[in-house]
Amino acid sequence: MTQGVIPNPALAASQLSQLMKTEVSTQALNNAFIGFLIAIFVLTPVLLIGKKLAAKKAH
């Protein structure tokens, strides 16, 4: 795109389409990563408590 003038509308649409695909995939990966981090922080205490309970039952 050159200074607000679109030389070819099909080319501009193609560029916008590619940009949107990139943005959507980046956001999806970001959401997946945040979900992964939340799962780790939620499950860590559960695993630690389970480990302590298992150690108590063993003795």
Protein backbone atom coordinates (compact mmCIF):
# COMPACT_ATOMS: atom_id res chain seq x y z
CA MET A 1 0.00 0.00 0.00
CA THR A 2 1.39 3.34 -1.00
CA GLN A 3 0.37 6.41 0.97
CA GLY A 4 -3.31 5.57 1.24
CA VAL A 5 -3.76 4.71 -2.43
CA ILE A 6 -4.65 1.09 -3.11
CA PRO A 7 -3.08 0.19 -6.48
CA ASN A 8 -4.98 -3.07 -6.87
CA PRO A 9 -7.99 -3.96 -4.69
CA ALA A 10 -7.40 -7.71 -5.14
CA LEU A 11 -3.82 -7.33 -3.94
CA ALA A 12 -4.96 -5.28 -0.95
CA ALA A 13 -7.58 -7.91 -0.07
CA SER A 14 -4.96 -10.63 -0.32
CA GLN A 15 -2.60 -8.72 1.95
CA LEU A 16 -5.35 -8.05 4.48
CA SER A 17 -6.39 -11.70 4.37
CA GLN A 18 -2.84 -12.83 5.10
CA LEU A 19 -2.53 -10.28 7.90
CA MET A 20 -5.75 -11.51 9.48
CA LYS A 21 -4.61 -15.14 9.26
CA THR A 22 -1.37 -14.20 10.99
CA GLU A 23 -3.15 -12.21 13.70
CA VAL A 24 -5.69 -14.96 14.36
CA SER A 25 -3.06 -17.68 14.60
CA THR A 26 -0.90 -15.55 16.90
CA GLN A 27 -3.85 -14.85 19.18
CA ALA A 28 -4.83 -18.53 19.22
CA LEU A 29 -1.31 -19.55 20.21
CA ASN A 30 -1.24 -16.86 22.87
CA ASN A 31 -4.54 -18.08 24.32
CA ALA A 32 -3.32 -21.68 24.31
CA PHE A 33 -0.12 -20.69 26.10
CA ILE A 34 -2.01 -18.71 28.74
CA GLY A 35 -4.34 -21.67 29.26
CA PHE A 36 -1.34 -23.96 29.66
CA LEU A 37 0.20 -21.67 32.29
CA ILE A 38 -3.08 -21.43 34.20
CA ALA A 39 -3.40 -25.22 34.17
CA ILE A 40 0.10 -25.58 35.60
CA PHE A 41 -0.55 -23.08 38.40
CA VAL A 42 -3.90 -24.70 39.25
CA LEU A 43 -2.65 -28.29 39.18
CA THR A 44 0.63 -27.76 41.04
CA PRO A 45 -0.98 -27.43 44.51
CA VAL A 46 -3.23 -30.42 43.77
CA LEU A 47 -0.21 -32.56 42.90
CA LEU A 48 1.75 -31.38 45.94
CA ILE A 49 -1.16 -32.12 48.30
CA GLY A 50 -1.62 -35.54 46.69
CA LYS A 51 2.07 -36.26 47.11
CA LYS A 52 1.91 -35.36 50.82
CA LEU A 53 -1.19 -37.52 51.34
CA ALA A 54 0.45 -40.46 49.58
CA ALA A 55 3.56 -40.07 51.73
CA LYS A 56 1.41 -40.10 54.90
CA LYS A 57 -0.40 -43.28 53.82
CA ALA A 58 2.89 -45.02 53.05
CA HIS A 59 4.16 -44.56 56.63
